[in-house]
Amino acid sequence: MHKRKQELLINAIEALATREKLFITERQQWRNRILGMDRINKMLVLVWMNEGVMEEHLIPINEINYCNVFQKTSGKSHIQAILLELTFRSKQLSPLQIPFYEEIHDGIFEMKRLAERAEYWKKALNN
């Protein structure tokens, strides 16, 4: 990712944390996304740049019913994407899918590392 975009993402999550009085203790950045967690205030923070527009998501961890990692495939075994899916206690909220690996953006050699990153967040959020 371009260094300027990385700086924009870091500035955005830090500004969000300040504005919401959050203490983000865990944070990972990849491509155009940053995912962070405030264990004290029990909040998951997702910031991503989508077509030049910064999107912010604050998700109360208590509202997450379950978290799972799944592979989106085509054909028999061709992996197109690896996603972290959050389902919520409230049935009015649609599941949120966070792409970690996307074939169109990431190299095949990054798949294992990004899949491990998704599994890390799955375990962190299901505990």
Protein backbone atom coordinates (compact mmCIF):
# COMPACT_ATOMS: atom_id res chain seq x y z
CA MET A 1 0.00 0.00 0.00
CA HIS A 2 1.12 3.49 -0.71
CA LYS A 3 2.75 5.09 2.35
CA ARG A 4 0.38 8.09 2.22
CA LYS A 5 -2.69 5.82 2.40
CA GLN A 6 -1.16 3.97 5.35
CA GLU A 7 -0.68 7.27 7.16
CA LEU A 8 -4.28 8.28 6.41
CA LEU A 9 -5.57 5.01 7.88
CA ILE A 10 -3.42 5.34 10.99
CA ASN A 11 -4.51 8.95 11.47
CA ALA A 12 -8.16 7.96 10.99
CA ILE A 13 -8.12 5.19 13.61
CA GLU A 14 -6.23 7.36 16.07
CA ALA A 15 -8.71 10.24 15.57
CA LEU A 16 -11.62 7.82 16.01
CA ALA A 17 -10.08 6.42 19.20
CA THR A 18 -9.60 9.92 20.59
CA ARG A 19 -13.10 11.05 19.62
CA GLU A 20 -14.74 7.94 21.15
CA LYS A 21 -12.34 7.79 24.15
CA LEU A 22 -11.09 4.35 23.19
CA PHE A 23 -7.87 2.64 24.18
CA ILE A 24 -6.93 0.42 21.25
CA THR A 25 -4.56 -2.23 22.54
CA GLU A 26 -4.52 -4.52 19.50
CA ARG A 27 -4.32 -3.31 15.94
CA GLN A 28 -3.48 -4.82 12.56
CA GLN A 29 -3.25 -3.10 9.23
CA TRP A 30 -3.38 -4.66 5.80
CA ARG A 31 -4.00 -3.24 2.36
CA ASN A 32 -6.61 -0.48 2.85
CA ARG A 33 -7.88 -1.57 6.28
CA ILE A 34 -7.08 -1.32 9.97
CA LEU A 35 -8.82 -3.50 12.55
CA GLY A 36 -8.38 -2.66 16.21
CA MET A 37 -9.76 -3.70 19.56
CA ASP A 38 -10.33 -1.88 22.82
CA ARG A 39 -10.66 -4.65 25.42
CA ILE A 40 -11.41 -2.19 28.23
CA ASN A 41 -14.43 -0.60 26.54
CA LYS A 42 -15.18 -3.80 24.60
CA MET A 43 -15.19 -2.23 21.15
CA LEU A 44 -14.01 -3.47 17.79
CA VAL A 45 -12.87 -0.70 15.45
CA LEU A 46 -12.65 -1.10 11.69
CA VAL A 47 -11.41 1.65 9.41
CA TRP A 48 -11.01 1.19 5.70
CA MET A 49 -10.58 3.27 2.62
CA ASN A 50 -13.16 2.34 0.01
CA GLU A 51 -12.74 4.05 -3.36
CA GLY A 52 -11.09 7.07 -1.74
CA VAL A 53 -13.69 7.39 1.03
CA MET A 54 -12.76 6.57 4.64
CA GLU A 55 -15.29 4.27 6.32
CA GLU A 56 -15.40 3.77 10.09
CA HIS A 57 -17.18 1.03 11.99
CA LEU A 58 -17.49 0.88 15.78
CA ILE A 59 -18.80 -2.49 16.87
CA PRO A 60 -19.57 -3.29 20.51
CA ILE A 61 -17.97 -6.68 21.14
CA ASN A 62 -20.95 -7.64 23.35
CA GLU A 63 -23.17 -7.35 20.24
CA ILE A 64 -21.16 -9.94 18.32
CA ASN A 65 -22.90 -13.30 18.54
CA TYR A 66 -20.30 -15.30 16.66
CA CYS A 67 -17.26 -14.79 14.49
CA ASN A 68 -16.16 -17.18 11.77
CA VAL A 69 -13.59 -17.35 8.98
CA PHE A 70 -14.65 -18.75 5.66
CA GLN A 71 -13.31 -19.08 2.15
CA LYS A 72 -15.17 -17.86 -0.89
CA THR A 73 -14.37 -20.25 -3.70
CA SER A 74 -15.09 -20.76 -7.36
CA GLY A 75 -14.95 -24.16 -8.91
CA LYS A 76 -13.76 -27.03 -6.77
CA SER A 77 -11.02 -25.45 -4.71
CA HIS A 78 -10.01 -22.10 -6.20
CA ILE A 79 -9.97 -19.58 -3.32
CA GLN A 80 -11.14 -16.12 -4.32
CA ALA A 81 -11.35 -14.59 -0.84
CA ILE A 82 -10.89 -15.29 2.87
CA LEU A 83 -13.36 -13.40 5.01
CA LEU A 84 -13.98 -12.84 8.70
CA GLU A 85 -17.74 -12.83 9.23
CA LEU A 86 -19.33 -11.27 12.28
CA THR A 87 -22.89 -12.23 13.14
CA PHE A 88 -24.75 -10.13 15.65
CA ARG A 89 -27.10 -10.84 18.55
CA SER A 90 -29.67 -8.50 17.04
CA LYS A 91 -31.39 -10.18 14.10
CA GLN A 92 -32.00 -6.72 12.59
CA LEU A 93 -28.27 -6.39 11.89
CA SER A 94 -26.89 -8.13 8.82
CA PRO A 95 -23.65 -10.08 9.19
CA LEU A 96 -20.51 -8.05 8.49
CA GLN A 97 -17.89 -9.62 6.25
CA ILE A 98 -14.34 -8.30 6.50
CA PRO A 99 -12.12 -9.44 3.63
CA PHE A 100 -8.61 -10.41 4.68
CA TYR A 101 -7.47 -12.02 1.45
CA GLU A 102 -8.87 -11.10 -1.95
CA GLU A 103 -7.44 -12.74 -5.03
CA ILE A 104 -7.85 -9.59 -7.12
CA HIS A 105 -5.75 -7.51 -4.67
CA ASP A 106 -3.40 -9.93 -2.92
CA GLY A 107 -0.74 -12.26 -4.18
CA ILE A 108 -1.13 -16.00 -3.72
CA PHE A 109 1.90 -15.99 -1.43
CA GLU A 110 0.08 -13.64 0.97
CA MET A 111 -2.89 -15.98 1.39
CA LYS A 112 -1.48 -18.03 4.28
CA ARG A 113 -0.38 -14.97 6.27
CA LEU A 114 -3.71 -13.20 5.77
CA ALA A 115 -5.68 -16.36 6.62
CA GLU A 116 -3.72 -16.66 9.87
CA ARG A 117 -4.51 -13.02 10.62
CA ALA A 118 -8.24 -13.69 10.12
CA GLU A 119 -8.02 -16.75 12.42
CA TYR A 120 -6.31 -14.62 15.07
CA TRP A 121 -9.24 -12.16 15.10
CA LYS A 122 -11.75 -15.00 15.11
CA LYS A 123 -10.20 -16.42 18.28
CA ALA A 124 -9.86 -13.00 19.89
CA LEU A 125 -13.52 -12.16 19.28
CA ASN A 126 -14.99 -15.54 20.18
CA ASN A 127 -13.35 -15.53 23.63
